[in-house]
Amino acid sequence: MFFYDFQYMLWILPGLLLSLWASWRTRSAFSKYSRVRTARGLTGAQAAQEMLRAAGIGDVKIVATSGMLTDHYNPATKTLALSEDVYGSPSIAAVGVACHEAGHAVQHARAYKPLWLRSALVPTANIARRSATS
């Protein structure tokens, strides 16, 4: 016979609800501010490139990737992957996301100690994100 401990849901449900709420808020804010153009007309990719150049980082490759808000920095390959909605958009939402991800590249270049924790948690967070948005 299959047994299921319903108390398990008491631990999982709040985290799942919080994750769904955070995902909704992020997508909602991105959608709202995607309609607001930057003053200089910079795209997300251009803003990230400027930020990296100002930090003295020239070995990070910036590429476009498919999906919505799938942006990430991969320290193993020194690649900053920006979703299509971020890469070529001159919106403040796109620039904000791109510069956030470029910030991870700056942290990596400067050997920011807590970055190892982030790198260790990324696989777990990706599983949770996929579960929450499916």
N, C-alpha and C. Protein backbone atom coordinates (compact mmCIF):
# COMPACT_ATOMS: atom_id res chain seq x y z
N MET A 1 0.84 -1.19 0.00
CA MET A 1 0.00 0.00 0.00
C MET A 1 0.88 1.25 0.00
N PHE A 2 0.44 2.26 -0.68
CA PHE A 2 1.19 3.52 -0.80
C PHE A 2 0.80 4.44 0.36
N PHE A 3 1.80 4.91 1.08
CA PHE A 3 1.56 5.84 2.18
C PHE A 3 2.14 7.20 1.84
N TYR A 4 1.41 8.22 2.22
CA TYR A 4 1.85 9.57 1.95
C TYR A 4 1.70 10.39 3.22
N ASP A 5 2.73 11.06 3.60
CA ASP A 5 2.70 11.89 4.80
C ASP A 5 2.25 13.30 4.41
N PHE A 6 1.01 13.64 4.75
CA PHE A 6 0.46 14.95 4.39
C PHE A 6 1.14 16.09 5.14
N GLN A 7 1.84 15.80 6.23
CA GLN A 7 2.57 16.84 6.94
C GLN A 7 3.71 17.38 6.07
N TYR A 8 4.16 16.56 5.15
CA TYR A 8 5.19 16.97 4.21
C TYR A 8 4.74 18.22 3.45
N MET A 9 3.46 18.26 3.09
CA MET A 9 2.91 19.41 2.35
C MET A 9 2.95 20.68 3.19
N LEU A 10 2.88 20.55 4.50
CA LEU A 10 2.96 21.74 5.36
C LEU A 10 4.30 22.43 5.23
N TRP A 11 5.32 21.69 4.86
CA TRP A 11 6.66 22.26 4.67
C TRP A 11 6.86 22.73 3.24
N ILE A 12 6.30 22.02 2.30
CA ILE A 12 6.51 22.32 0.88
C ILE A 12 5.58 23.44 0.39
N LEU A 13 4.34 23.41 0.80
CA LEU A 13 3.36 24.35 0.28
C LEU A 13 3.74 25.83 0.47
N PRO A 14 4.18 26.27 1.65
CA PRO A 14 4.56 27.68 1.79
C PRO A 14 5.70 28.08 0.84
N GLY A 15 6.69 27.23 0.67
CA GLY A 15 7.79 27.53 -0.25
C GLY A 15 7.32 27.60 -1.68
N LEU A 16 6.43 26.69 -2.05
CA LEU A 16 5.89 26.68 -3.40
C LEU A 16 5.08 27.94 -3.66
N LEU A 17 4.24 28.32 -2.71
CA LEU A 17 3.43 29.53 -2.86
C LEU A 17 4.31 30.78 -2.94
N LEU A 18 5.32 30.85 -2.10
CA LEU A 18 6.25 31.98 -2.13
C LEU A 18 6.97 32.05 -3.48
N SER A 19 7.38 30.92 -3.98
CA SER A 19 8.06 30.86 -5.27
C SER A 19 7.14 31.32 -6.41
N LEU A 20 5.90 30.86 -6.38
CA LEU A 20 4.94 31.28 -7.41
C LEU A 20 4.67 32.78 -7.34
N TRP A 21 4.53 33.32 -6.13
CA TRP A 21 4.29 34.75 -5.95
C TRP A 21 5.49 35.55 -6.46
N ALA A 22 6.71 35.13 -6.10
CA ALA A 22 7.92 35.84 -6.54
C ALA A 22 8.05 35.80 -8.06
N SER A 23 7.76 34.67 -8.65
CA SER A 23 7.82 34.54 -10.11
C SER A 23 6.80 35.47 -10.77
N TRP A 24 5.60 35.51 -10.24
CA TRP A 24 4.56 36.39 -10.79
C TRP A 24 4.97 37.86 -10.68
N ARG A 25 5.50 38.25 -9.51
CA ARG A 25 5.92 39.64 -9.30
C ARG A 25 7.05 40.02 -10.27
N THR A 26 8.00 39.13 -10.46
CA THR A 26 9.12 39.40 -11.36
C THR A 26 8.63 39.58 -12.79
N ARG A 27 7.80 38.66 -13.25
CA ARG A 27 7.27 38.75 -14.62
C ARG A 27 6.39 39.99 -14.80
N SER A 28 5.61 40.30 -13.78
CA SER A 28 4.74 41.47 -13.84
C SER A 28 5.56 42.76 -13.94
N ALA A 29 6.57 42.89 -13.09
CA ALA A 29 7.42 44.09 -13.11
C ALA A 29 8.18 44.18 -14.43
N PHE A 30 8.69 43.05 -14.91
CA PHE A 30 9.42 43.05 -16.18
C PHE A 30 8.49 43.50 -17.32
N SER A 31 7.29 42.98 -17.32
CA SER A 31 6.33 43.35 -18.36
C SER A 31 6.01 44.85 -18.31
N LYS A 32 5.79 45.36 -17.12
CA LYS A 32 5.46 46.78 -16.96
C LYS A 32 6.60 47.68 -17.44
N TYR A 33 7.82 47.39 -17.01
CA TYR A 33 8.94 48.26 -17.32
C TYR A 33 9.59 47.95 -18.66
N SER A 34 9.11 46.92 -19.33
CA SER A 34 9.58 46.66 -20.70
C SER A 34 9.03 47.69 -21.67
N ARG A 35 8.01 48.40 -21.23
CA ARG A 35 7.41 49.43 -22.09
C ARG A 35 8.02 50.81 -21.87
N VAL A 36 9.02 50.89 -20.97
CA VAL A 36 9.67 52.17 -20.68
C VAL A 36 11.07 52.14 -21.28
N ARG A 37 11.33 53.03 -22.21
CA ARG A 37 12.60 53.07 -22.93
C ARG A 37 13.68 53.77 -22.10
N THR A 38 14.92 53.33 -22.25
CA THR A 38 16.04 53.97 -21.56
C THR A 38 16.32 55.33 -22.20
N ALA A 39 16.86 56.25 -21.41
CA ALA A 39 17.14 57.59 -21.91
C ALA A 39 18.16 57.59 -23.03
N ARG A 40 19.18 56.72 -22.93
CA ARG A 40 20.23 56.68 -23.95
C ARG A 40 19.93 55.72 -25.08
N GLY A 41 18.87 54.93 -24.96
CA GLY A 41 18.51 53.99 -26.00
C GLY A 41 19.38 52.74 -26.04
N LEU A 42 20.12 52.48 -24.96
CA LEU A 42 20.97 51.28 -24.90
C LEU A 42 20.12 50.02 -24.76
N THR A 43 20.52 48.97 -25.47
CA THR A 43 19.86 47.68 -25.29
C THR A 43 20.47 47.00 -24.07
N GLY A 44 19.84 45.91 -23.65
CA GLY A 44 20.38 45.16 -22.53
C GLY A 44 21.80 44.69 -22.79
N ALA A 45 22.07 44.19 -23.98
CA ALA A 45 23.41 43.70 -24.32
C ALA A 45 24.43 44.84 -24.30
N GLN A 46 24.05 46.00 -24.81
CA GLN A 46 24.97 47.14 -24.83
C GLN A 46 25.26 47.64 -23.41
N ALA A 47 24.23 47.68 -22.56
CA ALA A 47 24.43 48.13 -21.19
C ALA A 47 25.32 47.16 -20.42
N ALA A 48 25.12 45.86 -20.62
CA ALA A 48 25.97 44.87 -19.96
C ALA A 48 27.41 45.00 -20.43
N GLN A 49 27.60 45.22 -21.74
CA GLN A 49 28.95 45.38 -22.28
C GLN A 49 29.63 46.61 -21.69
N GLU A 50 28.90 47.71 -21.57
CA GLU A 50 29.47 48.93 -20.97
C GLU A 50 29.85 48.70 -19.51
N MET A 51 28.99 47.99 -18.79
CA MET A 51 29.27 47.71 -17.37
C MET A 51 30.52 46.86 -17.23
N LEU A 52 30.65 45.83 -18.07
CA LEU A 52 31.83 44.96 -18.02
C LEU A 52 33.08 45.74 -18.39
N ARG A 53 32.98 46.57 -19.42
CA ARG A 53 34.14 47.37 -19.84
C ARG A 53 34.56 48.34 -18.73
N ALA A 54 33.60 48.96 -18.05
CA ALA A 54 33.91 49.88 -16.96
C ALA A 54 34.57 49.16 -15.79
N ALA A 55 34.28 47.88 -15.63
CA ALA A 55 34.88 47.08 -14.56
C ALA A 55 36.21 46.47 -14.99
N GLY A 56 36.62 46.73 -16.23
CA GLY A 56 37.89 46.20 -16.73
C GLY A 56 37.83 44.74 -17.12
N ILE A 57 36.64 44.26 -17.48
CA ILE A 57 36.45 42.85 -17.84
C ILE A 57 36.23 42.76 -19.35
N GLY A 58 37.12 42.08 -20.03
CA GLY A 58 37.02 41.98 -21.48
C GLY A 58 36.90 40.56 -21.99
N ASP A 59 36.86 39.58 -21.07
CA ASP A 59 36.85 38.18 -21.52
C ASP A 59 35.50 37.49 -21.32
N VAL A 60 34.43 38.25 -21.12
CA VAL A 60 33.10 37.67 -20.97
C VAL A 60 32.35 37.84 -22.27
N LYS A 61 31.83 36.74 -22.77
CA LYS A 61 31.07 36.73 -24.02
C LYS A 61 29.59 36.97 -23.70
N ILE A 62 28.94 37.85 -24.42
CA ILE A 62 27.51 38.11 -24.24
C ILE A 62 26.77 37.52 -25.43
N VAL A 63 25.82 36.63 -25.13
CA VAL A 63 25.07 35.94 -26.18
C VAL A 63 23.57 36.03 -25.90
N ALA A 64 22.78 35.89 -26.96
CA ALA A 64 21.32 35.84 -26.83
C ALA A 64 20.92 34.39 -26.59
N THR A 65 19.89 34.20 -25.78
CA THR A 65 19.37 32.86 -25.51
C THR A 65 17.85 32.90 -25.59
N SER A 66 17.24 31.77 -25.87
CA SER A 66 15.79 31.72 -26.01
C SER A 66 15.11 31.68 -24.64
N GLY A 67 13.84 31.97 -24.64
CA GLY A 67 13.05 31.92 -23.41
C GLY A 67 12.83 33.31 -22.84
N MET A 68 11.93 33.37 -21.86
CA MET A 68 11.66 34.64 -21.18
C MET A 68 12.29 34.61 -19.81
N LEU A 69 13.09 35.61 -19.52
CA LEU A 69 13.81 35.73 -18.25
C LEU A 69 14.65 34.48 -17.94
N THR A 70 15.33 34.02 -18.96
CA THR A 70 16.24 32.88 -18.82
C THR A 70 17.68 33.37 -18.72
N ASP A 71 17.85 34.62 -18.38
CA ASP A 71 19.15 35.27 -18.34
C ASP A 71 20.00 34.67 -17.23
N HIS A 72 21.29 34.51 -17.51
CA HIS A 72 22.20 33.97 -16.50
C HIS A 72 23.66 34.20 -16.90
N TYR A 73 24.52 34.14 -15.89
CA TYR A 73 25.96 34.20 -16.13
C TYR A 73 26.54 32.85 -15.78
N ASN A 74 27.33 32.29 -16.68
CA ASN A 74 27.98 31.00 -16.46
C ASN A 74 29.46 31.25 -16.20
N PRO A 75 29.91 31.11 -14.93
CA PRO A 75 31.31 31.39 -14.63
C PRO A 75 32.27 30.38 -15.26
N ALA A 76 31.80 29.17 -15.53
CA ALA A 76 32.68 28.15 -16.11
C ALA A 76 33.09 28.51 -17.53
N THR A 77 32.17 29.13 -18.28
CA THR A 77 32.47 29.49 -19.67
C THR A 77 32.63 30.99 -19.87
N LYS A 78 32.47 31.75 -18.78
CA LYS A 78 32.51 33.22 -18.84
C LYS A 78 31.58 33.74 -19.92
N THR A 79 30.33 33.25 -19.86
CA THR A 79 29.32 33.63 -20.82
C THR A 79 28.14 34.26 -20.11
N LEU A 80 27.72 35.40 -20.60
CA LEU A 80 26.55 36.10 -20.10
C LEU A 80 25.45 35.86 -21.13
N ALA A 81 24.47 35.03 -20.77
CA ALA A 81 23.38 34.70 -21.68
C ALA A 81 22.18 35.57 -21.35
N LEU A 82 21.74 36.35 -22.31
CA LEU A 82 20.59 37.24 -22.12
C LEU A 82 19.44 36.77 -23.00
N SER A 83 18.26 36.67 -22.40
CA SER A 83 17.08 36.25 -23.16
C SER A 83 16.81 37.28 -24.26
N GLU A 84 16.09 36.85 -25.27
CA GLU A 84 15.83 37.71 -26.42
C GLU A 84 15.13 39.01 -26.01
N ASP A 85 14.25 38.94 -24.99
CA ASP A 85 13.54 40.13 -24.51
C ASP A 85 14.47 41.11 -23.82
N VAL A 86 15.64 40.66 -23.43
CA VAL A 86 16.61 41.51 -22.73
C VAL A 86 17.72 41.93 -23.69
N TYR A 87 18.25 41.00 -24.45
CA TYR A 87 19.41 41.23 -25.30
C TYR A 87 19.25 42.44 -26.21
N GLY A 88 18.16 42.50 -26.95
CA GLY A 88 18.01 43.55 -27.95
C GLY A 88 17.05 44.66 -27.60
N SER A 89 16.54 44.66 -26.38
CA SER A 89 15.54 45.66 -26.01
C SER A 89 16.16 46.87 -25.33
N PRO A 90 15.73 48.08 -25.72
CA PRO A 90 16.22 49.29 -25.07
C PRO A 90 15.32 49.74 -23.90
N SER A 91 14.73 48.78 -23.19
CA SER A 91 13.86 49.12 -22.07
C SER A 91 14.63 49.13 -20.76
N ILE A 92 14.09 49.83 -19.77
CA ILE A 92 14.77 49.85 -18.47
C ILE A 92 14.70 48.48 -17.81
N ALA A 93 13.67 47.69 -18.11
CA ALA A 93 13.60 46.34 -17.57
C ALA A 93 14.75 45.50 -18.13
N ALA A 94 14.98 45.59 -19.42
CA ALA A 94 16.05 44.83 -20.06
C ALA A 94 17.42 45.23 -19.53
N VAL A 95 17.64 46.53 -19.40
CA VAL A 95 18.93 47.01 -18.90
C VAL A 95 19.14 46.59 -17.45
N GLY A 96 18.07 46.63 -16.65
CA GLY A 96 18.18 46.19 -15.26
C GLY A 96 18.56 44.73 -15.14
N VAL A 97 17.91 43.88 -15.92
CA VAL A 97 18.21 42.45 -15.88
C VAL A 97 19.63 42.19 -16.40
N ALA A 98 19.98 42.82 -17.51
CA ALA A 98 21.31 42.62 -18.10
C ALA A 98 22.42 43.06 -17.14
N CYS A 99 22.24 44.19 -16.51
CA CYS A 99 23.27 44.67 -15.57
C CYS A 99 23.32 43.83 -14.30
N HIS A 100 22.18 43.29 -13.89
CA HIS A 100 22.19 42.36 -12.76
C HIS A 100 23.05 41.15 -13.08
N GLU A 101 22.85 40.58 -14.25
CA GLU A 101 23.64 39.41 -14.65
C GLU A 101 25.11 39.78 -14.87
N ALA A 102 25.36 40.96 -15.43
CA ALA A 102 26.75 41.40 -15.60
C ALA A 102 27.41 41.56 -14.23
N GLY A 103 26.63 41.92 -13.23
CA GLY A 103 27.15 42.02 -11.86
C GLY A 103 27.72 40.70 -11.36
N HIS A 104 27.10 39.59 -11.77
CA HIS A 104 27.64 38.28 -11.39
C HIS A 104 29.00 38.04 -12.05
N ALA A 105 29.16 38.53 -13.28
CA ALA A 105 30.46 38.40 -13.96
C ALA A 105 31.51 39.24 -13.23
N VAL A 106 31.13 40.42 -12.76
CA VAL A 106 32.05 41.26 -12.00
C VAL A 106 32.42 40.56 -10.69
N GLN A 107 31.44 39.98 -10.02
CA GLN A 107 31.72 39.23 -8.79
C GLN A 107 32.71 38.10 -9.07
N HIS A 108 32.51 37.39 -10.16
CA HIS A 108 33.39 36.28 -10.52
C HIS A 108 34.81 36.78 -10.78
N ALA A 109 34.92 37.86 -11.53
CA ALA A 109 36.24 38.41 -11.86
C ALA A 109 36.98 38.89 -10.62
N ARG A 110 36.24 39.35 -9.64
CA ARG A 110 36.85 39.87 -8.41
C ARG A 110 36.91 38.83 -7.30
N ALA A 111 36.63 37.58 -7.63
CA ALA A 111 36.68 36.45 -6.67
C ALA A 111 35.84 36.72 -5.42
N TYR A 112 34.65 37.22 -5.62
CA TYR A 112 33.73 37.50 -4.53
C TYR A 112 33.39 36.18 -3.84
N LYS A 113 33.72 36.09 -2.57
CA LYS A 113 33.62 34.82 -1.84
C LYS A 113 32.22 34.19 -1.84
N PRO A 114 31.14 34.94 -1.57
CA PRO A 114 29.82 34.28 -1.56
C PRO A 114 29.36 33.75 -2.92
N LEU A 115 30.09 34.04 -3.98
CA LEU A 115 29.69 33.56 -5.30
C LEU A 115 29.69 32.04 -5.37
N TRP A 116 30.56 31.37 -4.62
CA TRP A 116 30.58 29.90 -4.64
C TRP A 116 29.24 29.35 -4.14
N LEU A 117 28.62 30.02 -3.14
CA LEU A 117 27.33 29.57 -2.63
C LEU A 117 26.27 29.72 -3.71
N ARG A 118 26.27 30.85 -4.40
CA ARG A 118 25.32 31.05 -5.49
C ARG A 118 25.50 29.97 -6.55
N SER A 119 26.73 29.71 -6.92
CA SER A 119 27.00 28.70 -7.95
C SER A 119 26.54 27.32 -7.51
N ALA A 120 26.67 27.03 -6.22
CA ALA A 120 26.24 25.73 -5.70
C ALA A 120 24.72 25.62 -5.68
N LEU A 121 24.03 26.74 -5.46
CA LEU A 121 22.56 26.72 -5.34
C LEU A 121 21.83 26.81 -6.68
N VAL A 122 22.52 27.21 -7.72
CA VAL A 122 21.86 27.40 -9.02
C VAL A 122 21.15 26.14 -9.51
N PRO A 123 21.75 24.95 -9.49
CA PRO A 123 21.01 23.78 -9.97
C PRO A 123 19.72 23.52 -9.19
N THR A 124 19.77 23.69 -7.88
CA THR A 124 18.58 23.49 -7.06
C THR A 124 17.52 24.54 -7.37
N ALA A 125 17.94 25.78 -7.51
CA ALA A 125 17.01 26.86 -7.82
C ALA A 125 16.37 26.66 -9.18
N ASN A 126 17.12 26.15 -10.14
CA ASN A 126 16.57 25.92 -11.48
C ASN A 126 15.48 24.85 -11.44
N ILE A 127 15.69 23.80 -10.65
CA ILE A 127 14.68 22.75 -10.52
C ILE A 127 13.42 23.34 -9.91
N ALA A 128 13.57 24.13 -8.84
CA ALA A 128 12.43 24.74 -8.18
C ALA A 128 11.71 25.71 -9.12
N ARG A 129 12.47 26.49 -9.88
CA ARG A 129 11.88 27.46 -10.81
C ARG A 129 11.06 26.75 -11.88
N ARG A 130 11.63 25.68 -12.44
CA ARG A 130 10.90 24.94 -13.47
C ARG A 130 9.62 24.33 -12.91
N SER A 131 9.68 23.86 -11.68
CA SER A 131 8.50 23.28 -11.04
C SER A 131 7.44 24.33 -10.79
N ALA A 132 7.87 25.51 -10.36
CA ALA A 132 6.93 26.58 -10.01
C ALA A 132 6.26 27.19 -11.23
N THR A 133 6.96 27.24 -12.35
CA THR A 133 6.41 27.90 -13.53
C THR A 133 5.78 26.93 -14.51
N SER A 134 5.82 25.67 -14.21
CA SER A 134 5.23 24.67 -15.12
C SER A 134 3.74 24.56 -14.94
